[in-house]
Amino acid sequence: MAEYVDTGEEFTIDEKVNVDGSLRFKIHNSKGETYYITINETYVW
């Protein structure tokens, strides 16, 4: 499933996870929803 984050949405990075050599981030939002995303670290503050 592919989803996009809209401007104004806020997520907290819980941890970095290595899946078969690919870096993923476990994140959650204020609604308590948890996601695992693939992202380029260049764009994460």
PDB file of N, CA and C in Angstrom:
ATOM      1  N   MET A   1       0.846  -1.159   0.000  1.00  0.00           N
ATOM      2  CA  MET A   1       0.000   0.000   0.000  1.00  0.00           C
ATOM      3  C   MET A   1       0.897   1.229   0.000  1.00  0.00           C
ATOM      4  N   ALA A   2       0.566   2.182  -0.825  1.00  0.00           N
ATOM      5  CA  ALA A   2       1.320   3.431  -0.867  1.00  0.00           C
ATOM      6  C   ALA A   2       0.413   4.569  -0.447  1.00  0.00           C
ATOM      7  N   GLU A   3       0.902   5.379   0.457  1.00  0.00           N
ATOM      8  CA  GLU A   3       0.155   6.551   0.907  1.00  0.00           C
ATOM      9  C   GLU A   3       1.101   7.729   0.937  1.00  0.00           C
ATOM     10  N   TYR A   4       0.534   8.903   0.965  1.00  0.00           N
ATOM     11  CA  TYR A   4       1.328  10.121   1.001  1.00  0.00           C
ATOM     12  C   TYR A   4       0.993  10.913   2.254  1.00  0.00           C
ATOM     13  N   VAL A   5       1.968  11.655   2.734  1.00  0.00           N
ATOM     14  CA  VAL A   5       1.772  12.528   3.884  1.00  0.00           C
ATOM     15  C   VAL A   5       1.464  13.917   3.349  1.00  0.00           C
ATOM     16  N   ASP A   6       0.378  14.509   3.821  1.00  0.00           N
ATOM     17  CA  ASP A   6      -0.010  15.846   3.387  1.00  0.00           C
ATOM     18  C   ASP A   6       0.667  16.916   4.235  1.00  0.00           C
ATOM     19  N   THR A   7       0.785  18.087   3.676  1.00  0.00           N
ATOM     20  CA  THR A   7       1.324  19.232   4.403  1.00  0.00           C
ATOM     21  C   THR A   7       0.507  19.463   5.665  1.00  0.00           C
ATOM     22  N   GLY A   8       1.179  19.668   6.773  1.00  0.00           N
ATOM     23  CA  GLY A   8       0.496  19.928   8.034  1.00  0.00           C
ATOM     24  C   GLY A   8       0.330  18.704   8.908  1.00  0.00           C
ATOM     25  N   GLU A   9       0.496  17.507   8.330  1.00  0.00           N
ATOM     26  CA  GLU A   9       0.419  16.299   9.149  1.00  0.00           C
ATOM     27  C   GLU A   9       1.714  16.171   9.941  1.00  0.00           C
ATOM     28  N   GLU A  10       1.598  15.722  11.173  1.00  0.00           N
ATOM     29  CA  GLU A  10       2.780  15.569  12.012  1.00  0.00           C
ATOM     30  C   GLU A  10       2.916  14.123  12.454  1.00  0.00           C
ATOM     31  N   PHE A  11       4.129  13.613  12.355  1.00  0.00           N
ATOM     32  CA  PHE A  11       4.432  12.253  12.761  1.00  0.00           C
ATOM     33  C   PHE A  11       5.665  12.268  13.646  1.00  0.00           C
ATOM     34  N   THR A  12       5.752  11.315  14.535  1.00  0.00           N
ATOM     35  CA  THR A  12       6.920  11.128  15.381  1.00  0.00           C
ATOM     36  C   THR A  12       7.636   9.871  14.925  1.00  0.00           C
ATOM     37  N   ILE A  13       8.950   9.970  14.738  1.00  0.00           N
ATOM     38  CA  ILE A  13       9.742   8.796  14.382  1.00  0.00           C
ATOM     39  C   ILE A  13      10.037   8.038  15.665  1.00  0.00           C
ATOM     40  N   ASP A  14       9.585   6.786  15.724  1.00  0.00           N
ATOM     41  CA  ASP A  14       9.792   5.959  16.905  1.00  0.00           C
ATOM     42  C   ASP A  14      11.131   5.239  16.867  1.00  0.00           C
ATOM     43  N   GLU A  15      11.484   4.715  15.700  1.00  0.00           N
ATOM     44  CA  GLU A  15      12.756   4.004  15.578  1.00  0.00           C
ATOM     45  C   GLU A  15      13.080   3.748  14.121  1.00  0.00           C
ATOM     46  N   LYS A  16      14.366   3.500  13.857  1.00  0.00           N
ATOM     47  CA  LYS A  16      14.810   3.071  12.537  1.00  0.00           C
ATOM     48  C   LYS A  16      14.819   1.552  12.529  1.00  0.00           C
ATOM     49  N   VAL A  17      14.354   0.967  11.436  1.00  0.00           N
ATOM     50  CA  VAL A  17      14.282  -0.484  11.321  1.00  0.00           C
ATOM     51  C   VAL A  17      14.970  -0.891  10.022  1.00  0.00           C
ATOM     52  N   ASN A  18      15.855  -1.886  10.080  1.00  0.00           N
ATOM     53  CA  ASN A  18      16.520  -2.394   8.890  1.00  0.00           C
ATOM     54  C   ASN A  18      15.786  -3.643   8.422  1.00  0.00           C
ATOM     55  N   VAL A  19      15.209  -3.577   7.223  1.00  0.00           N
ATOM     56  CA  VAL A  19      14.472  -4.705   6.657  1.00  0.00           C
ATOM     57  C   VAL A  19      15.194  -5.148   5.392  1.00  0.00           C
ATOM     58  N   ASP A  20      15.866  -6.282   5.462  1.00  0.00           N
ATOM     59  CA  ASP A  20      16.616  -6.823   4.320  1.00  0.00           C
ATOM     60  C   ASP A  20      17.547  -5.785   3.697  1.00  0.00           C
ATOM     61  N   GLY A  21      18.225  -5.014   4.532  1.00  0.00           N
ATOM     62  CA  GLY A  21      19.176  -4.023   4.058  1.00  0.00           C
ATOM     63  C   GLY A  21      18.561  -2.691   3.663  1.00  0.00           C
ATOM     64  N   SER A  22      17.260  -2.555   3.807  1.00  0.00           N
ATOM     65  CA  SER A  22      16.568  -1.311   3.460  1.00  0.00           C
ATOM     66  C   SER A  22      16.135  -0.597   4.735  1.00  0.00           C
ATOM     67  N   LEU A  23      16.501   0.680   4.864  1.00  0.00           N
ATOM     68  CA  LEU A  23      16.165   1.447   6.057  1.00  0.00           C
ATOM     69  C   LEU A  23      14.706   1.869   6.024  1.00  0.00           C
ATOM     70  N   ARG A  24      13.995   1.580   7.092  1.00  0.00           N
ATOM     71  CA  ARG A  24      12.593   1.991   7.259  1.00  0.00           C
ATOM     72  C   ARG A  24      12.488   2.749   8.571  1.00  0.00           C
ATOM     73  N   PHE A  25      11.462   3.549   8.679  1.00  0.00           N
ATOM     74  CA  PHE A  25      11.169   4.240   9.917  1.00  0.00           C
ATOM     75  C   PHE A  25       9.813   3.791  10.434  1.00  0.00           C
ATOM     76  N   LYS A  26       9.749   3.489  11.721  1.00  0.00           N
ATOM     77  CA  LYS A  26       8.470   3.232  12.380  1.00  0.00           C
ATOM     78  C   LYS A  26       8.027   4.579  12.924  1.00  0.00           C
ATOM     79  N   ILE A  27       6.856   5.056  12.478  1.00  0.00           N
ATOM     80  CA  ILE A  27       6.359   6.365  12.886  1.00  0.00           C
ATOM     81  C   ILE A  27       4.936   6.243  13.414  1.00  0.00           C
ATOM     82  N   HIS A  28       4.502   7.253  14.168  1.00  0.00           N
ATOM     83  CA  HIS A  28       3.103   7.293  14.606  1.00  0.00           C
ATOM     84  C   HIS A  28       2.611   8.737  14.586  1.00  0.00           C
ATOM     85  N   ASN A  29       1.293   8.874  14.510  1.00  0.00           N
ATOM     86  CA  ASN A  29       0.698  10.210  14.525  1.00  0.00           C
ATOM     87  C   ASN A  29      -0.084  10.414  15.811  1.00  0.00           C
ATOM     88  N   SER A  30      -0.698  11.582  15.955  1.00  0.00           N
ATOM     89  CA  SER A  30      -1.416  11.905  17.191  1.00  0.00           C
ATOM     90  C   SER A  30      -2.691  11.093  17.363  1.00  0.00           C
ATOM     91  N   LYS A  31      -3.128  10.419  16.307  1.00  0.00           N
ATOM     92  CA  LYS A  31      -4.316   9.562  16.385  1.00  0.00           C
ATOM     93  C   LYS A  31      -3.962   8.162  16.876  1.00  0.00           C
ATOM     94  N   GLY A  32      -2.657   7.913  17.091  1.00  0.00           N
ATOM     95  CA  GLY A  32      -2.220   6.604  17.551  1.00  0.00           C
ATOM     96  C   GLY A  32      -2.007   5.603  16.434  1.00  0.00           C
ATOM     97  N   GLU A  33      -2.058   6.061  15.183  1.00  0.00           N
ATOM     98  CA  GLU A  33      -1.852   5.176  14.042  1.00  0.00           C
ATOM     99  C   GLU A  33      -0.353   5.008  13.808  1.00  0.00           C
ATOM    100  N   THR A  34       0.080   3.761  13.592  1.00  0.00           N
ATOM    101  CA  THR A  34       1.490   3.457  13.377  1.00  0.00           C
ATOM    102  C   THR A  34       1.712   3.057  11.929  1.00  0.00           C
ATOM    103  N   TYR A  35       2.806   3.540  11.356  1.00  0.00           N
ATOM    104  CA  TYR A  35       3.155   3.239   9.973  1.00  0.00           C
ATOM    105  C   TYR A  35       4.635   2.880   9.908  1.00  0.00           C
ATOM    106  N   TYR A  36       4.994   2.101   8.910  1.00  0.00           N
ATOM    107  CA  TYR A  36       6.388   1.837   8.582  1.00  0.00           C
ATOM    108  C   TYR A  36       6.606   2.428   7.202  1.00  0.00           C
ATOM    109  N   ILE A  37       7.573   3.330   7.092  1.00  0.00           N
ATOM    110  CA  ILE A  37       7.780   4.015   5.826  1.00  0.00           C
ATOM    111  C   ILE A  37       9.228   3.886   5.366  1.00  0.00           C
ATOM    112  N   THR A  38       9.404   3.976   4.067  1.00  0.00           N
ATOM    113  CA  THR A  38      10.722   4.070   3.465  1.00  0.00           C
ATOM    114  C   THR A  38      10.917   5.531   3.107  1.00  0.00           C
ATOM    115  N   ILE A  39      12.051   6.077   3.476  1.00  0.00           N
ATOM    116  CA  ILE A  39      12.255   7.501   3.248  1.00  0.00           C
ATOM    117  C   ILE A  39      13.745   7.785   3.087  1.00  0.00           C
ATOM    118  N   ASN A  40      14.047   8.821   2.383  1.00  0.00           N
ATOM    119  CA  ASN A  40      15.414   9.275   2.236  1.00  0.00           C
ATOM    120  C   ASN A  40      15.746  10.141   3.448  1.00  0.00           C
ATOM    121  N   GLU A  41      16.781   9.790   4.190  1.00  0.00           N
ATOM    122  CA  GLU A  41      17.144  10.516   5.415  1.00  0.00           C
ATOM    123  C   GLU A  41      17.435  11.997   5.166  1.00  0.00           C
ATOM    124  N   THR A  42      17.743  12.367   3.936  1.00  0.00           N
ATOM    125  CA  THR A  42      18.021  13.751   3.594  1.00  0.00           C
ATOM    126  C   THR A  42      16.845  14.654   3.931  1.00  0.00           C
ATOM    127  N   TYR A  43      15.616  14.117   3.869  1.00  0.00           N
ATOM    128  CA  TYR A  43      14.413  14.921   4.045  1.00  0.00           C
ATOM    129  C   TYR A  43      13.799  14.802   5.430  1.00  0.00           C
ATOM    130  N   VAL A  44      14.471  14.138   6.362  1.00  0.00           N
ATOM    131  CA  VAL A  44      13.944  13.967   7.719  1.00  0.00           C
ATOM    132  C   VAL A  44      14.736  14.857   8.661  1.00  0.00           C
ATOM    133  N   TRP A  45      14.032  15.667   9.460  1.00  0.00           N
ATOM    134  CA  TRP A  45      14.703  16.545  10.421  1.00  0.00           C
ATOM    135  C   TRP A  45      14.616  15.964  11.784  1.00  0.00           C
TER     136      TRP A  45
END
